[in-house]
Amino acid sequence: MESPENLSARVRQQDPGEEAASLLAGALYHQARCNALNETGLLDSPDEHTFDRLTSLVSKLMQVPVSLVSLVDTDRQFFKSQCGLPEPWASLRQTPLSHSFCQHVVASGEPLIVEEATRHALVANNLAIRDLNVLAYLGIPLFTPDGQAIGSLCAIDSKSRAWTEKDVEVLSEIADLVMTEIAMRHHLRERKRAEQGLADIAQQLLASNEDLRQFASIASHDLQEPLRKIQTFADRLSSNYSDEIDERGQGYLERMTATSKRMQHLIDALLDLTRVTSQSQPYVPTDLDQVLGEVLCDLGQRIEDAAGRVEIGALHTVVADPHQMQQLLQNLVGNALKFYKEGTPPVVRVHGELCDTSNGEPAMYRFFVEDNGIGFDPTLAERLFQPFVRLHGRHLYEGTGIGMAICKKIVERHGGTISARSTPGEGATFIVTLPVR
C-alpha cells in the first residue's frame, strides 16, 4: 500500500478529476489513519465545552462567521465542534465528503488556503459552496500524537477573502491547542490501559499465588504421608525385629531412615520457598535491629555450641514484611555460623548503610553479613542462590541447599537485590539492598 505521504504529494500535484479523486480516497482510507481517528474516541461524541471554546475563539479573533473542528472519516466529515454553522448542518454535526474542503487538508497534511472557492481548482465543484455558502476557507491539519492527520481546524467566510500570514499564524496556534487536547486524551487512555493491564496482572498473580498455596498444601499432605509411614515402619522394624536383622540389614535400615528424614527436610524447604509469595504479610515499617535481636535469640544455642559471636552495627528501619525479614536474617546469619573453619570460632558481623539518595532522602538501605568462615570460589557466587545447589558435601555440612534461594526470593519480592563475595579460606560477605519505603 502506498504511504500517506506519497499519496498526499500526488494529490497536491493533480488537477481535479477521476485520478485525483482516486488518490484522495486512497489517502483518506489509509488503514493507519483510520485506526488513529477511531482511536481518538471523538467521532460521534457529544459537544464539549473544551473544543467549543476554541472554535468560538477562532470566530472572534479572525472575524469569520463559521469555524469548525472537523474530523474526516472515509465517507463523511464529523464536526466535533462548530461555531456559526447554519441548519440543518449544525444539528446534524456532519456532512458527506461531497461538502468537505477539510478532506483535502487531511489528504495533504498541509494548510489549505482558499480565497475564492468558485475559482479554486481543488474545490470549485464542491457542494459546500452551494449548500453551506463557503466561499473563503482556511484549514490547518490536526494530527494525532503519532503523526496521523485526522481532521482540520478551519475558518470559513461566506464572501471572498484574502487570508493574511497573520490569519494562518493565529489559526495554527489555536490548532496546536486542539492537538494538545487530543494528545492529552490519548495519553490518558494509554495510562488507563496500562493501569488496567497492571490490575489484570495483579489479579492473575493473586490467582497464581492461590493455586501455589493449594499445591503446597496438597504437596505437604500427599508427599509427607508416605514418608511418615516409611519412618513408622522403619521404627517398628528397628524396635521389634532388631535381633532378627543382621548387621548389613541394620545398615540398610539406618540409611532408609536417614533418607526419609532428608526427604522430609527437602519437602519442608520447598514449602518454605512457596510460602514466600503464597503466605506473605502486609508491608509495614520494620526495625531490622529488633528483627536481628529476635533472630539471635533463636540462634543462641547454635552460637553457644560453636563458641562464636555476632557483632552488630546499628541497622535501619525499612518498609517490609516483618516475618520475611526475620526469615532472611535467620538464613544469612545461620549460614554464616554453619560454614566456619575447624578450630576457629565463627565471628559474624552485621552492619549497614543508607544509600542512593533521592530528593534529599535515602531511597535504599544496604546491609552486610560478613563471616570468617571457609568462604567459597567467587566464580560460583551466582549459583549460591539457585535451589538445591550445594557448594560443599552433605556429609560435611547439613542443609537442603535451598536457604539462599529463599533469601533471593524474599529480597526480590521486596524490590531489592542480594549478592555475595568471597575468597576461599577467608570468609564470605552477603550484601542485601532494600528500598527504604
Protein backbone atom coordinates (compact mmCIF):
# COMPACT_ATOMS: atom_id res chain seq x y z
CA MET A 1 0.00 0.00 0.00
CA GLU A 2 1.30 3.46 -0.90
CA SER A 3 2.25 5.58 2.08
CA PRO A 4 0.05 8.54 3.13
CA GLU A 5 2.95 10.90 2.41
CA ASN A 6 3.27 9.75 -1.21
CA LEU A 7 -0.48 9.80 -1.69
CA SER A 8 -0.65 13.32 -0.27
CA ALA A 9 2.10 14.56 -2.55
CA ARG A 10 0.39 13.12 -5.62
CA VAL A 11 -2.96 14.62 -4.60
CA ARG A 12 -1.39 18.06 -4.35
CA GLN A 13 0.08 17.70 -7.84
CA GLN A 14 -3.18 16.63 -9.53
CA ASP A 15 -5.89 18.72 -11.06
CA PRO A 16 -9.44 17.76 -10.04
CA GLY A 17 -10.60 14.69 -11.90
CA GLU A 18 -11.10 10.98 -11.54
CA GLU A 19 -7.44 10.21 -10.84
CA ALA A 20 -7.20 12.97 -8.23
CA ALA A 21 -10.41 11.71 -6.59
CA SER A 22 -8.99 8.18 -6.51
CA LEU A 23 -5.77 9.37 -4.90
CA LEU A 24 -7.73 11.45 -2.39
CA ALA A 25 -9.82 8.45 -1.42
CA GLY A 26 -6.66 6.36 -1.04
CA ALA A 27 -5.19 8.87 1.38
CA LEU A 28 -8.39 9.02 3.43
CA TYR A 29 -8.79 5.22 3.52
CA HIS A 30 -5.24 4.55 4.69
CA GLN A 31 -5.63 1.98 7.49
CA ALA A 32 -3.24 3.59 9.98
CA ARG A 33 -5.03 6.93 9.61
CA CYS A 34 -8.47 5.34 10.03
CA ASN A 35 -7.31 3.44 13.11
CA ALA A 36 -5.85 6.61 14.63
CA LEU A 37 -9.10 8.50 14.01
CA ASN A 38 -11.25 5.80 15.60
CA GLU A 39 -8.82 5.51 18.49
CA THR A 40 -9.43 9.15 19.49
CA GLY A 41 -12.98 8.28 20.53
CA LEU A 42 -14.11 11.67 19.17
CA LEU A 43 -16.24 10.51 16.25
CA ASP A 44 -19.96 10.88 17.04
CA SER A 45 -19.13 12.10 20.55
CA PRO A 46 -21.23 14.85 22.22
CA ASP A 47 -20.44 18.56 22.18
CA GLU A 48 -17.72 19.55 24.64
CA HIS A 49 -17.01 22.96 26.09
CA THR A 50 -13.26 22.45 25.70
CA PHE A 51 -13.47 22.31 21.90
CA ASP A 52 -16.38 24.78 21.61
CA ARG A 53 -14.31 27.47 23.34
CA LEU A 54 -11.63 27.09 20.68
CA THR A 55 -13.95 27.36 17.68
CA SER A 56 -15.59 30.38 19.31
CA LEU A 57 -12.12 31.91 19.77
CA VAL A 58 -11.35 31.35 16.07
CA SER A 59 -14.54 33.14 15.03
CA LYS A 60 -13.85 36.13 17.28
CA LEU A 61 -10.15 36.56 16.55
CA MET A 62 -10.43 36.03 12.80
CA GLN A 63 -13.85 37.63 12.40
CA VAL A 64 -15.37 34.78 10.44
CA PRO A 65 -19.00 33.60 10.61
CA VAL A 66 -18.11 29.89 10.80
CA SER A 67 -15.33 27.85 12.39
CA LEU A 68 -15.09 24.08 12.74
CA VAL A 69 -13.15 21.29 14.35
CA SER A 70 -13.76 18.78 11.58
CA LEU A 71 -12.80 15.09 11.77
CA VAL A 72 -12.61 13.48 8.35
CA ASP A 73 -13.78 9.87 8.08
CA THR A 74 -13.79 7.76 4.92
CA ASP A 75 -17.26 8.91 3.80
CA ARG A 76 -18.06 11.99 5.85
CA GLN A 77 -16.73 14.81 7.99
CA PHE A 78 -17.92 14.95 11.59
CA PHE A 79 -17.90 18.26 13.44
CA LYS A 80 -16.55 17.75 16.93
CA SER A 81 -17.19 21.46 17.40
CA GLN A 82 -18.82 24.14 15.25
CA CYS A 83 -19.45 27.81 15.66
CA GLY A 84 -21.92 29.59 13.35
CA LEU A 85 -22.79 26.65 11.08
CA PRO A 86 -26.29 27.02 9.55
CA GLU A 87 -29.06 24.45 9.95
CA PRO A 88 -29.62 21.64 9.32
CA TRP A 89 -25.86 21.09 9.40
CA ALA A 90 -25.42 22.49 12.91
CA SER A 91 -27.81 19.88 14.30
CA LEU A 92 -26.59 17.06 12.06
CA ARG A 93 -22.97 17.82 13.01
CA GLN A 94 -21.72 16.20 9.83
CA THR A 95 -21.73 16.38 6.04
CA PRO A 96 -20.83 13.91 3.31
CA LEU A 97 -17.39 14.36 1.75
CA SER A 98 -19.09 15.97 -1.26
CA HIS A 99 -19.41 19.01 1.05
CA SER A 100 -15.93 18.86 2.57
CA PHE A 101 -12.96 21.14 1.97
CA CYS A 102 -11.30 19.62 5.06
CA GLN A 103 -10.71 16.29 3.31
CA HIS A 104 -8.04 17.98 1.17
CA VAL A 105 -6.29 19.30 4.28
CA VAL A 106 -6.20 15.78 5.72
CA ALA A 107 -5.04 14.19 2.46
CA SER A 108 -2.17 16.64 2.04
CA GLY A 109 -1.29 17.11 5.69
CA GLU A 110 -0.79 20.79 4.94
CA PRO A 111 -2.82 24.01 5.34
CA LEU A 112 -5.35 24.75 2.62
CA ILE A 113 -5.88 28.40 1.69
CA VAL A 114 -8.90 29.20 -0.49
CA GLU A 115 -9.65 32.87 -1.17
CA GLU A 116 -12.39 32.36 -3.78
CA ALA A 117 -13.79 28.81 -3.84
CA THR A 118 -15.52 29.04 -7.23
CA ARG A 119 -12.17 29.80 -8.87
CA HIS A 120 -10.04 27.32 -6.89
CA ALA A 121 -9.19 24.21 -8.98
CA LEU A 122 -9.29 21.82 -6.00
CA VAL A 123 -12.76 22.75 -4.65
CA ALA A 124 -14.56 24.62 -7.42
CA ASN A 125 -17.13 21.81 -7.77
CA ASN A 126 -17.54 21.15 -4.04
CA LEU A 127 -21.22 21.25 -2.95
CA ALA A 128 -20.32 23.16 0.22
CA ILE A 129 -20.16 26.29 -1.95
CA ARG A 130 -23.83 25.95 -2.84
CA ASP A 131 -25.27 24.36 0.31
CA LEU A 132 -23.11 25.84 3.09
CA ASN A 133 -22.24 29.14 1.39
CA VAL A 134 -18.48 28.51 1.67
CA LEU A 135 -16.53 30.96 -0.48
CA ALA A 136 -13.36 31.55 1.52
CA TYR A 137 -11.68 28.78 3.54
CA LEU A 138 -8.58 28.44 5.68
CA GLY A 139 -7.85 24.99 7.16
CA ILE A 140 -5.00 23.75 9.38
CA PRO A 141 -4.43 19.97 9.68
CA LEU A 142 -4.95 18.24 13.01
CA PHE A 143 -2.60 15.36 13.84
CA THR A 144 -2.63 12.62 16.47
CA PRO A 145 0.49 12.18 18.67
CA ASP A 146 1.78 9.51 16.26
CA GLY A 147 1.54 11.88 13.28
CA GLN A 148 -1.69 10.75 11.59
CA ALA A 149 -3.80 13.54 10.03
CA ILE A 150 -7.38 13.10 11.25
CA GLY A 151 -9.07 16.43 10.64
CA SER A 152 -8.85 20.16 10.29
CA LEU A 153 -9.41 23.32 12.29
CA CYS A 154 -10.91 25.68 9.76
CA ALA A 155 -12.15 29.24 9.42
CA ILE A 156 -14.91 29.82 6.82
CA ASP A 157 -16.23 33.03 5.24
CA SER A 158 -19.31 33.45 3.07
CA LYS A 159 -17.54 36.00 0.90
CA SER A 160 -14.21 36.09 -0.86
CA ARG A 161 -11.29 36.85 1.40
CA ALA A 162 -7.55 37.34 1.10
CA TRP A 163 -6.12 35.43 4.05
CA THR A 164 -3.04 37.01 5.62
CA GLU A 165 0.06 35.43 7.13
CA LYS A 166 -1.28 36.61 10.49
CA ASP A 167 -4.52 34.66 9.86
CA VAL A 168 -2.54 31.50 9.16
CA GLU A 169 -0.39 32.05 12.25
CA VAL A 170 -3.37 32.59 14.57
CA LEU A 171 -5.28 29.58 13.27
CA SER A 172 -2.14 27.41 13.50
CA GLU A 173 -1.63 28.35 17.16
CA ILE A 174 -5.24 27.51 18.02
CA ALA A 175 -4.88 24.23 16.07
CA ASP A 176 -1.93 23.44 18.36
CA LEU A 177 -4.30 23.81 21.32
CA VAL A 178 -6.77 21.40 19.71
CA MET A 179 -3.98 18.86 19.11
CA THR A 180 -2.74 19.29 22.68
CA GLU A 181 -6.20 18.36 23.94
CA ILE A 182 -6.31 15.33 21.63
CA ALA A 183 -2.81 14.28 22.77
CA MET A 184 -3.75 14.61 26.45
CA ARG A 185 -6.74 12.35 25.92
CA HIS A 186 -4.55 9.88 24.04
CA HIS A 187 -2.05 9.70 26.89
CA LEU A 188 -4.87 9.40 29.44
CA ARG A 189 -6.31 6.43 27.51
CA GLU A 190 -2.87 4.83 27.32
CA ARG A 191 -2.41 5.31 31.04
CA LYS A 192 -5.79 3.77 31.79
CA ARG A 193 -4.92 0.82 29.55
CA ALA A 194 -1.61 0.39 31.36
CA GLU A 195 -3.34 0.58 34.75
CA GLN A 196 -5.93 -1.96 33.64
CA GLY A 197 -3.14 -4.18 32.38
CA LEU A 198 -1.39 -3.97 35.73
CA ALA A 199 -4.66 -4.68 37.52
CA ASP A 200 -5.18 -7.75 35.31
CA ILE A 201 -1.64 -8.94 36.02
CA ALA A 202 -2.15 -8.40 39.75
CA GLN A 203 -5.35 -10.45 39.60
CA GLN A 204 -3.56 -13.20 37.72
CA LEU A 205 -0.79 -13.16 40.32
CA LEU A 206 -3.34 -13.48 43.10
CA ALA A 207 -4.91 -16.45 41.34
CA SER A 208 -1.48 -17.94 40.71
CA ASN A 209 -0.50 -17.50 44.36
CA GLU A 210 -3.72 -19.17 45.46
CA ASP A 211 -3.01 -22.07 43.10
CA LEU A 212 0.50 -22.26 44.52
CA ARG A 213 -0.81 -22.21 48.08
CA GLN A 214 -3.22 -25.03 47.30
CA PHE A 215 -0.49 -27.00 45.56
CA ALA A 216 1.79 -26.54 48.56
CA SER A 217 -0.94 -27.73 50.89
CA ILE A 218 -1.59 -30.81 48.77
CA ALA A 219 2.11 -31.50 48.37
CA SER A 220 2.62 -31.11 52.08
CA HIS A 221 0.00 -33.74 52.84
CA ASP A 222 0.38 -36.16 49.93
CA LEU A 223 4.17 -36.24 49.95
CA GLN A 224 4.68 -36.32 53.69
CA GLU A 225 2.13 -39.04 54.43
CA PRO A 226 4.13 -41.81 52.65
CA LEU A 227 7.29 -40.56 54.36
CA ARG A 228 5.67 -40.81 57.77
CA LYS A 229 4.67 -44.40 57.02
CA ILE A 230 8.20 -45.27 55.90
CA GLN A 231 9.60 -43.77 59.10
CA THR A 232 6.96 -45.56 61.21
CA PHE A 233 7.66 -48.98 59.69
CA ALA A 234 11.40 -48.39 59.92
CA ASP A 235 11.00 -47.62 63.63
CA ARG A 236 8.90 -50.79 64.10
CA LEU A 237 11.49 -52.90 62.30
CA SER A 238 14.23 -51.46 64.46
CA SER A 239 12.27 -51.93 67.71
CA ASN A 240 10.60 -55.28 67.12
CA TYR A 241 12.95 -57.17 64.82
CA SER A 242 16.40 -55.85 65.63
CA ASP A 243 17.51 -59.29 66.85
CA GLU A 244 16.48 -60.89 63.54
CA ILE A 245 18.21 -58.35 61.28
CA ASP A 246 21.90 -58.82 60.61
CA GLU A 247 24.50 -56.07 60.53
CA ARG A 248 24.07 -55.41 56.83
CA GLY A 249 20.27 -55.17 57.26
CA GLN A 250 20.73 -52.74 60.13
CA GLY A 251 22.86 -50.59 57.83
CA TYR A 252 20.15 -50.61 55.17
CA LEU A 253 17.58 -49.69 57.79
CA GLU A 254 19.65 -46.77 59.05
CA ARG A 255 20.19 -45.49 55.52
CA MET A 256 16.47 -45.78 54.76
CA THR A 257 15.61 -43.79 57.90
CA ALA A 258 18.20 -41.13 57.13
CA THR A 259 17.00 -40.82 53.53
CA SER A 260 13.35 -40.44 54.56
CA LYS A 261 14.31 -37.73 57.05
CA ARG A 262 16.31 -35.93 54.36
CA MET A 263 13.30 -36.10 52.06
CA GLN A 264 11.18 -34.67 54.85
CA HIS A 265 13.58 -31.75 55.18
CA LEU A 266 13.50 -31.14 51.40
CA ILE A 267 9.70 -31.03 51.37
CA ASP A 268 9.71 -28.61 54.30
CA ALA A 269 12.27 -26.43 52.47
CA LEU A 270 10.18 -26.41 49.28
CA LEU A 271 7.12 -25.40 51.27
CA ASP A 272 9.13 -22.57 52.83
CA LEU A 273 10.06 -21.41 49.32
CA THR A 274 6.43 -21.38 48.14
CA ARG A 275 5.30 -19.55 51.28
CA VAL A 276 7.47 -16.54 50.41
CA THR A 277 4.76 -15.44 47.97
CA SER A 278 1.72 -17.52 48.95
CA GLN A 279 1.69 -16.58 52.64
CA SER A 280 3.20 -13.10 52.66
CA GLN A 281 2.17 -10.40 55.12
CA PRO A 282 1.47 -6.68 54.51
CA TYR A 283 4.50 -4.36 54.38
CA VAL A 284 4.93 -2.21 57.47
CA PRO A 285 7.83 -0.18 58.94
CA THR A 286 10.18 -2.90 60.20
CA ASP A 287 13.07 -2.21 62.57
CA LEU A 288 15.88 -4.50 61.40
CA ASP A 289 17.69 -4.02 64.74
CA GLN A 290 14.71 -5.54 66.54
CA VAL A 291 14.34 -8.32 63.96
CA LEU A 292 18.02 -9.23 64.27
CA GLY A 293 17.69 -9.31 68.06
CA GLU A 294 14.92 -11.89 67.75
CA VAL A 295 16.99 -13.91 65.27
CA LEU A 296 20.00 -14.00 67.61
CA CYS A 297 17.75 -15.14 70.44
CA ASP A 298 16.56 -18.06 68.26
CA LEU A 299 20.14 -18.88 67.25
CA GLY A 300 21.53 -18.51 70.76
CA GLN A 301 22.18 -22.23 71.32
CA ARG A 302 23.97 -22.59 67.97
CA ILE A 303 26.19 -19.59 68.74
CA GLU A 304 26.98 -21.04 72.17
CA ASP A 305 27.71 -24.50 70.81
CA ALA A 306 30.14 -23.11 68.25
CA ALA A 307 31.74 -20.72 70.81
CA GLY A 308 31.02 -17.96 68.28
CA ARG A 309 29.90 -14.38 68.46
CA VAL A 310 27.86 -11.94 66.37
CA GLU A 311 28.94 -8.30 66.15
CA ILE A 312 26.14 -5.88 65.33
CA GLY A 313 26.27 -2.40 63.87
CA ALA A 314 23.22 -0.14 64.02
CA LEU A 315 20.66 -1.23 61.41
CA HIS A 316 17.79 0.76 59.90
CA THR A 317 14.02 0.62 59.53
CA VAL A 318 12.58 -0.43 56.17
CA VAL A 319 9.03 -0.95 54.97
CA ALA A 320 8.77 -4.73 54.62
CA ASP A 321 7.14 -7.98 55.63
CA PRO A 322 8.49 -8.45 59.20
CA HIS A 323 8.20 -12.23 59.12
CA GLN A 324 10.16 -12.46 55.88
CA MET A 325 12.83 -10.07 57.17
CA GLN A 326 13.27 -12.41 60.14
CA GLN A 327 13.48 -15.39 57.79
CA LEU A 328 16.04 -13.55 55.64
CA LEU A 329 18.31 -12.59 58.54
CA GLN A 330 17.99 -16.00 60.17
CA ASN A 331 19.08 -17.74 56.96
CA LEU A 332 22.01 -15.36 56.41
CA VAL A 333 23.32 -15.38 59.98
CA GLY A 334 22.65 -19.10 60.38
CA ASN A 335 24.53 -19.75 57.13
CA ALA A 336 27.48 -17.70 58.39
CA LEU A 337 27.56 -19.70 61.63
CA LYS A 338 27.41 -23.01 59.79
CA PHE A 339 30.43 -22.70 57.46
CA TYR A 340 33.18 -21.91 59.96
CA LYS A 341 36.75 -23.17 59.84
CA GLU A 342 37.63 -26.05 62.14
CA GLY A 343 39.47 -24.79 65.21
CA THR A 344 38.41 -21.17 64.57
CA PRO A 345 35.25 -19.97 66.37
CA PRO A 346 32.84 -18.27 63.98
CA VAL A 347 32.61 -14.50 64.05
CA VAL A 348 29.71 -12.87 62.20
CA ARG A 349 29.46 -9.12 61.67
CA VAL A 350 26.18 -7.47 60.62
CA HIS A 351 26.14 -3.76 59.68
CA GLY A 352 24.55 -1.46 57.13
CA GLU A 353 24.39 1.94 55.43
CA LEU A 354 21.87 4.23 53.74
CA CYS A 355 22.48 4.77 50.03
CA ASP A 356 21.05 6.03 46.73
CA THR A 357 19.70 9.35 47.98
CA SER A 358 16.65 10.64 46.08
CA ASN A 359 15.15 14.13 46.59
CA GLY A 360 17.41 14.65 49.58
CA GLU A 361 16.28 11.43 51.29
CA PRO A 362 17.86 7.95 51.19
CA ALA A 363 15.93 5.64 48.87
CA MET A 364 17.77 2.38 49.60
CA TYR A 365 19.35 0.62 52.56
CA ARG A 366 22.23 -1.81 52.19
CA PHE A 367 23.35 -4.22 54.89
CA PHE A 368 26.19 -6.74 55.05
CA VAL A 369 26.51 -10.12 56.73
CA GLU A 370 30.24 -10.96 56.97
CA ASP A 371 31.88 -14.07 58.40
CA ASN A 372 35.37 -15.51 58.95
CA GLY A 373 34.47 -18.96 57.63
CA ILE A 374 35.66 -21.24 54.88
CA GLY A 375 34.45 -18.99 52.04
CA PHE A 376 33.79 -20.20 48.51
CA ASP A 377 35.02 -19.89 44.94
CA PRO A 378 33.83 -16.42 43.78
CA THR A 379 33.04 -17.77 40.30
CA LEU A 380 30.26 -19.80 41.93
CA ALA A 381 28.60 -16.82 43.62
CA GLU A 382 25.55 -16.78 41.33
CA ARG A 383 24.94 -20.50 41.83
CA LEU A 384 24.57 -19.96 45.57
CA PHE A 385 21.08 -18.55 45.07
CA GLN A 386 19.74 -21.41 42.95
CA PRO A 387 17.51 -24.01 44.66
CA PHE A 388 19.18 -27.23 45.79
CA VAL A 389 22.67 -26.03 44.87
CA ARG A 390 25.31 -27.04 47.41
CA LEU A 391 28.93 -25.93 47.21
CA HIS A 392 30.00 -28.34 49.94
CA GLY A 393 29.22 -32.01 50.50
CA ARG A 394 26.21 -33.10 52.54
CA HIS A 395 28.45 -35.26 54.72
CA LEU A 396 30.37 -32.15 55.78
CA TYR A 397 27.57 -29.60 56.27
CA GLU A 398 23.88 -30.23 56.86
CA GLY A 399 21.16 -28.45 54.92
CA THR A 400 18.92 -28.72 51.87
CA GLY A 401 20.60 -26.19 49.59
CA ILE A 402 17.50 -24.03 49.42
CA GLY A 403 18.13 -21.41 52.12
CA MET A 404 19.87 -18.92 49.82
CA ALA A 405 17.16 -19.37 47.16
CA ILE A 406 14.61 -18.35 49.80
CA CYS A 407 16.73 -15.29 50.66
CA LYS A 408 16.87 -14.26 46.99
CA LYS A 409 13.11 -14.69 46.58
CA ILE A 410 12.39 -12.60 49.68
CA VAL A 411 14.76 -9.80 48.67
CA GLU A 412 13.49 -9.61 45.08
CA ARG A 413 9.88 -9.65 46.28
CA HIS A 414 10.72 -6.50 48.25
CA GLY A 415 12.25 -4.84 45.17
CA GLY A 416 15.85 -5.33 46.33
CA THR A 417 18.98 -7.22 45.35
CA ILE A 418 21.24 -9.76 47.02
CA SER A 419 24.78 -10.75 46.10
CA ALA A 420 27.79 -12.49 47.66
CA ARG A 421 31.55 -12.16 47.50
CA SER A 422 34.26 -14.35 48.95
CA THR A 423 37.81 -15.61 48.85
CA PRO A 424 38.26 -19.32 49.68
CA GLY A 425 39.51 -19.72 53.25
CA GLU A 426 38.94 -16.04 54.10
CA GLY A 427 35.24 -15.86 54.82
CA ALA A 428 32.26 -14.58 52.84
CA THR A 429 30.14 -11.43 52.69
CA PHE A 430 26.47 -11.31 51.69
CA ILE A 431 25.15 -7.90 50.58
CA VAL A 432 21.43 -7.10 50.67
CA THR A 433 19.97 -3.86 49.30
CA LEU A 434 16.34 -2.99 50.10
CA PRO A 435 14.12 0.02 49.39
CA VAL A 436 13.66 2.17 52.50
CA ARG A 437 9.99 2.67 51.50
